[in-house]
C-alpha atoms as a PDB file:
ATOM      1  CA  MET A   1       7.714 -23.150  29.357  1.00  0.00           C
ATOM      2  CA  ARG A   2       7.226 -25.739  26.606  1.00  0.00           C
ATOM      3  CA  GLY A   3       3.461 -25.676  27.175  1.00  0.00           C
ATOM      4  CA  LEU A   4       3.379 -21.885  26.847  1.00  0.00           C
ATOM      5  CA  LEU A   5       5.358 -22.082  23.603  1.00  0.00           C
ATOM      6  CA  LEU A   6       2.918 -24.646  22.204  1.00  0.00           C
ATOM      7  CA  LYS A   7      -0.048 -22.451  23.158  1.00  0.00           C
ATOM      8  CA  LEU A   8       1.510 -19.384  21.522  1.00  0.00           C
ATOM      9  CA  THR A   9       2.338 -21.370  18.377  1.00  0.00           C
ATOM     10  CA  PHE A  10      -1.234 -22.693  18.219  1.00  0.00           C
ATOM     11  CA  LEU A  11      -2.641 -19.175  18.710  1.00  0.00           C
ATOM     12  CA  GLY A  12      -0.378 -17.866  15.947  1.00  0.00           C
ATOM     13  CA  LEU A  13      -1.563 -20.613  13.595  1.00  0.00           C
ATOM     14  CA  LEU A  14      -5.182 -19.702  14.339  1.00  0.00           C
ATOM     15  CA  LEU A  15      -4.602 -16.010  13.569  1.00  0.00           C
ATOM     16  CA  LEU A  16      -2.432 -16.554  10.492  1.00  0.00           C
ATOM     17  CA  PRO A  17      -5.198 -17.753   8.148  1.00  0.00           C
ATOM     18  CA  ALA A  18      -7.325 -14.731   9.126  1.00  0.00           C
ATOM     19  CA  ALA A  19      -4.509 -12.360   8.165  1.00  0.00           C
ATOM     20  CA  PHE A  20      -4.080 -14.075   4.808  1.00  0.00           C
ATOM     21  CA  ALA A  21      -7.852 -14.156   4.273  1.00  0.00           C
ATOM     22  CA  VAL A  22      -8.106 -10.366   4.578  1.00  0.00           C
ATOM     23  CA  ALA A  23      -5.506  -9.879   1.860  1.00  0.00           C
ATOM     24  CA  ALA A  24      -7.133 -12.488  -0.382  1.00  0.00           C
ATOM     25  CA  GLU A  25     -10.438 -10.614  -0.282  1.00  0.00           C
ATOM     26  CA  LEU A  26      -9.047  -7.233  -1.363  1.00  0.00           C
ATOM     27  CA  SER A  27      -8.163  -5.826  -4.753  1.00  0.00           C
ATOM     28  CA  VAL A  28      -5.852  -2.867  -5.238  1.00  0.00           C
ATOM     29  CA  GLN A  29      -6.163  -0.754  -8.382  1.00  0.00           C
ATOM     30  CA  LEU A  30      -3.546   1.866  -9.220  1.00  0.00           C
ATOM     31  CA  ARG A  31      -3.835   4.589 -11.839  1.00  0.00           C
ATOM     32  CA  THR A  32      -1.976   7.782 -12.616  1.00  0.00           C
ATOM     33  CA  ALA A  33      -3.655  11.164 -12.315  1.00  0.00           C
ATOM     34  CA  SER A  34      -1.849  12.041 -15.561  1.00  0.00           C
ATOM     35  CA  ALA A  35       0.238  10.028 -18.026  1.00  0.00           C
ATOM     36  CA  THR A  36       3.040  12.618 -17.829  1.00  0.00           C
ATOM     37  CA  PHE A  37       4.576  14.551 -14.971  1.00  0.00           C
ATOM     38  CA  LYS A  38       6.947  17.479 -15.089  1.00  0.00           C
ATOM     39  CA  GLN A  39      10.442  16.875 -13.728  1.00  0.00           C
ATOM     40  CA  GLY A  40      10.847  18.333 -10.244  1.00  0.00           C
ATOM     41  CA  HIS A  41       7.170  17.778  -9.353  1.00  0.00           C
ATOM     42  CA  LEU A  42       5.669  14.897  -7.430  1.00  0.00           C
ATOM     43  CA  PRO A  43       3.595  12.525  -9.534  1.00  0.00           C
ATOM     44  CA  ARG A  44       0.042  11.858  -8.399  1.00  0.00           C
ATOM     45  CA  PHE A  45      -1.398   8.375  -8.267  1.00  0.00           C
ATOM     46  CA  ILE A  46      -4.928   7.289  -7.430  1.00  0.00           C
ATOM     47  CA  VAL A  47      -5.250   4.115  -5.348  1.00  0.00           C
ATOM     48  CA  THR A  48      -8.504   2.198  -4.936  1.00  0.00           C
ATOM     49  CA  ILE A  49      -8.728  -0.620  -2.418  1.00  0.00           C
ATOM     50  CA  GLN A  50     -11.896  -2.659  -2.810  1.00  0.00           C
ATOM     51  CA  ASN A  51     -13.427  -5.285  -0.565  1.00  0.00           C
ATOM     52  CA  ALA A  52     -14.315  -8.174  -2.883  1.00  0.00           C
ATOM     53  CA  ALA A  53     -15.580 -10.339  -0.014  1.00  0.00           C
ATOM     54  CA  ASN A  54     -19.138 -11.072   1.045  1.00  0.00           C
ATOM     55  CA  SER A  55     -18.327  -9.863   4.558  1.00  0.00           C
ATOM     56  CA  THR A  56     -16.836  -6.744   6.106  1.00  0.00           C
ATOM     57  CA  ILE A  57     -13.081  -6.268   6.278  1.00  0.00           C
ATOM     58  CA  LYS A  58     -11.075  -3.914   8.483  1.00  0.00           C
ATOM     59  CA  VAL A  59      -8.088  -2.181   6.904  1.00  0.00           C
ATOM     60  CA  VAL A  60      -5.703   0.557   7.952  1.00  0.00           C
ATOM     61  CA  ASP A  61      -7.354   3.928   7.313  1.00  0.00           C
ATOM     62  CA  VAL A  62      -4.699   5.664   5.205  1.00  0.00           C
ATOM     63  CA  VAL A  63      -7.158   8.464   4.412  1.00  0.00           C
ATOM     64  CA  LYS A  64      -7.691   9.488   8.032  1.00  0.00           C
ATOM     65  CA  ARG A  65      -4.061   8.797   8.979  1.00  0.00           C
ATOM     66  CA  SER A  66      -2.131   9.776   5.869  1.00  0.00           C
ATOM     67  CA  ASP A  67       1.149   9.098   7.694  1.00  0.00           C
ATOM     68  CA  LEU A  68       0.275   5.398   7.520  1.00  0.00           C
ATOM     69  CA  LYS A  69       0.553   5.437   3.704  1.00  0.00           C
ATOM     70  CA  ASP A  70       4.329   5.292   4.061  1.00  0.00           C
ATOM     71  CA  ALA A  71       4.261   1.956   5.885  1.00  0.00           C
ATOM     72  CA  TYR A  72       1.061   0.292   4.659  1.00  0.00           C
ATOM     73  CA  ALA A  73       0.803   1.527   1.038  1.00  0.00           C
ATOM     74  CA  ARG A  74       4.328   1.205  -0.369  1.00  0.00           C
ATOM     75  CA  PHE A  75       5.346   2.216  -3.860  1.00  0.00           C
ATOM     76  CA  SER A  76       7.974   0.697  -6.075  1.00  0.00           C
ATOM     77  CA  VAL A  77       9.079   2.416  -9.269  1.00  0.00           C
ATOM     78  CA  THR A  78      11.136   0.887 -12.047  1.00  0.00           C
ATOM     79  CA  GLU A  79      12.707   2.071 -15.273  1.00  0.00           C
ATOM     80  CA  SER A  80      12.991  -0.646 -17.920  1.00  0.00           C
ATOM     81  CA  GLY A  81      12.333  -3.223 -15.191  1.00  0.00           C
ATOM     82  CA  LYS A  82      15.100  -1.995 -12.860  1.00  0.00           C
ATOM     83  CA  PRO A  83      14.401  -0.217  -9.551  1.00  0.00           C
ATOM     84  CA  VAL A  84      15.020   3.522  -9.752  1.00  0.00           C
ATOM     85  CA  LYS A  85      17.487   5.200  -7.435  1.00  0.00           C
ATOM     86  CA  VAL A  86      15.864   8.171  -5.724  1.00  0.00           C
ATOM     87  CA  PRO A  87      16.184   9.576  -2.205  1.00  0.00           C
ATOM     88  CA  ILE A  88      14.010   7.874   0.396  1.00  0.00           C
ATOM     89  CA  ALA A  89      12.758   9.921   3.334  1.00  0.00           C
ATOM     90  CA  ILE A  90      12.757   8.553   6.845  1.00  0.00           C
ATOM     91  CA  SER A  91       9.213   7.790   7.857  1.00  0.00           C
ATOM     92  CA  ASP A  92       8.044   6.452  11.199  1.00  0.00           C
ATOM     93  CA  PRO A  93       4.258   6.612  11.397  1.00  0.00           C
ATOM     94  CA  GLY A  94       4.097   5.366  14.966  1.00  0.00           C
ATOM     95  CA  PRO A  95       1.684   2.908  16.563  1.00  0.00           C
ATOM     96  CA  ILE A  96      -1.819   2.223  15.346  1.00  0.00           C
ATOM     97  CA  SER A  97      -4.934   1.395  17.316  1.00  0.00           C
ATOM     98  CA  GLU A  98      -8.389   0.050  16.551  1.00  0.00           C
ATOM     99  CA  GLY A  99      -9.461   3.640  15.802  1.00  0.00           C
ATOM    100  CA  ASP A 100      -6.983   3.732  12.905  1.00  0.00           C
ATOM    101  CA  LEU A 101      -8.864   1.009  11.038  1.00  0.00           C
ATOM    102  CA  VAL A 102     -11.793   1.488   8.700  1.00  0.00           C
ATOM    103  CA  THR A 103     -14.426  -1.151   7.993  1.00  0.00           C
ATOM    104  CA  LEU A 104     -15.112  -1.819   4.325  1.00  0.00           C
ATOM    105  CA  LEU A 105     -18.508  -3.290   3.567  1.00  0.00           C
ATOM    106  CA  PRO A 106     -18.814  -5.897   0.797  1.00  0.00           C
ATOM    107  CA  MET A 107     -17.861  -4.298  -2.559  1.00  0.00           C
ATOM    108  CA  GLN A 108     -17.082  -0.986  -0.819  1.00  0.00           C
ATOM    109  CA  ALA A 109     -13.907   0.819  -1.895  1.00  0.00           C
ATOM    110  CA  LEU A 110     -11.455   3.174  -0.259  1.00  0.00           C
ATOM    111  CA  THR A 111      -9.885   5.615  -2.735  1.00  0.00           C
ATOM    112  CA  PHE A 112      -7.038   7.995  -2.001  1.00  0.00           C
ATOM    113  CA  GLU A 113      -4.265   9.950  -3.685  1.00  0.00           C
ATOM    114  CA  HIS A 114      -0.621   8.980  -3.254  1.00  0.00           C
ATOM    115  CA  SER A 115       2.578  10.771  -4.321  1.00  0.00           C
ATOM    116  CA  GLY A 116       4.853   7.790  -3.784  1.00  0.00           C
ATOM    117  CA  PHE A 117       6.273   9.271  -0.572  1.00  0.00           C
ATOM    118  CA  PRO A 118       8.648   8.386   1.096  1.00  0.00           C
ATOM    119  CA  LEU A 119      10.277   7.895  -2.330  1.00  0.00           C
ATOM    120  CA  GLY A 120      11.585  11.196  -3.711  1.00  0.00           C
ATOM    121  CA  LEU A 121       9.846  10.788  -7.071  1.00  0.00           C
ATOM    122  CA  ASP A 122      10.214  14.509  -7.785  1.00  0.00           C
ATOM    123  CA  ARG A 123      13.890  13.642  -8.399  1.00  0.00           C
ATOM    124  CA  LEU A 124      13.165  11.330 -11.348  1.00  0.00           C
ATOM    125  CA  ARG A 125      14.973  12.215 -14.571  1.00  0.00           C
ATOM    126  CA  PRO A 126      12.989  12.578 -17.781  1.00  0.00           C
ATOM    127  CA  GLY A 127      12.026   9.136 -19.076  1.00  0.00           C
ATOM    128  CA  SER A 128       9.454   6.347 -18.932  1.00  0.00           C
ATOM    129  CA  TYR A 129       8.701   4.545 -15.678  1.00  0.00           C
ATOM    130  CA  GLU A 130       6.489   1.852 -14.198  1.00  0.00           C
ATOM    131  CA  ALA A 131       4.958   1.929 -10.727  1.00  0.00           C
ATOM    132  CA  LYS A 132       3.039  -0.464  -8.526  1.00  0.00           C
ATOM    133  CA  LEU A 133       1.818  -0.375  -4.971  1.00  0.00           C
ATOM    134  CA  VAL A 134       1.943  -2.992  -2.256  1.00  0.00           C
ATOM    135  CA  PHE A 135      -0.808  -2.583   0.350  1.00  0.00           C
ATOM    136  CA  TYR A 136      -0.718  -4.166   3.796  1.00  0.00           C
ATOM    137  CA  PRO A 137      -4.350  -4.180   5.022  1.00  0.00           C
ATOM    138  CA  ASN A 138      -3.406  -4.246   8.696  1.00  0.00           C
ATOM    139  CA  VAL A 139      -0.667  -5.272  11.101  1.00  0.00           C
ATOM    140  CA  GLY A 140       0.468  -8.821  10.448  1.00  0.00           C
ATOM    141  CA  SER A 141      -1.515  -9.342   7.266  1.00  0.00           C
ATOM    142  CA  SER A 142      -0.056 -10.435   3.980  1.00  0.00           C
ATOM    143  CA  ALA A 143       0.364  -7.886   1.208  1.00  0.00           C
ATOM    144  CA  VAL A 144      -1.850  -7.202  -1.792  1.00  0.00           C
ATOM    145  CA  THR A 145      -0.086  -5.937  -4.917  1.00  0.00           C
ATOM    146  CA  SER A 146      -1.699  -3.543  -7.372  1.00  0.00           C
ATOM    147  CA  ASN A 147      -1.532  -3.560 -11.112  1.00  0.00           C
ATOM    148  CA  THR A 148       1.436  -1.846 -12.761  1.00  0.00           C
ATOM    149  CA  VAL A 149       0.991   1.584 -14.357  1.00  0.00           C
ATOM    150  CA  SER A 150       3.279   3.440 -16.742  1.00  0.00           C
ATOM    151  CA  PHE A 151       4.054   7.146 -16.694  1.00  0.00           C
ATOM    152  CA  ARG A 152       6.532   9.573 -18.193  1.00  0.00           C
ATOM    153  CA  VAL A 153       8.549  12.357 -16.668  1.00  0.00           C
ATOM    154  CA  ILE A 154       9.187  15.316 -18.970  1.00  0.00           C
ATOM    155  CA  GLN A 155      11.333  18.451 -18.659  1.00  0.00           C
END
């Protein structure tokens, strides 16, 4: 049993640097589709994930499987530096397979639109907010955080 545990620990240590390496080679850029959004409507954000490595990288294909955005491209929204309180929908995207990954060539980017779901951002009160996105390239990898963008909600 002890030998099996040592083998599993060693295997985990071999795979761990690869998971961190994927995240280290990606950049995530976030921008708003508009600087202002009308209260009661979902804001629209544009996310660009770029492979900055000299080799190919596989990431979760959140364009083909938009349900994976909820788990692998997570939004956080703050108002004056404090997390906002909005409803959060239950989201269970289910399992992923090799077919749910996309290969990004060196300097290639994956761009998609995001509404912030499962956060109920259509419930934001009028005011100024900041948003950022945390992207998990694939199962077990470390996260890559985007830049922070500002937007306003108006009546």
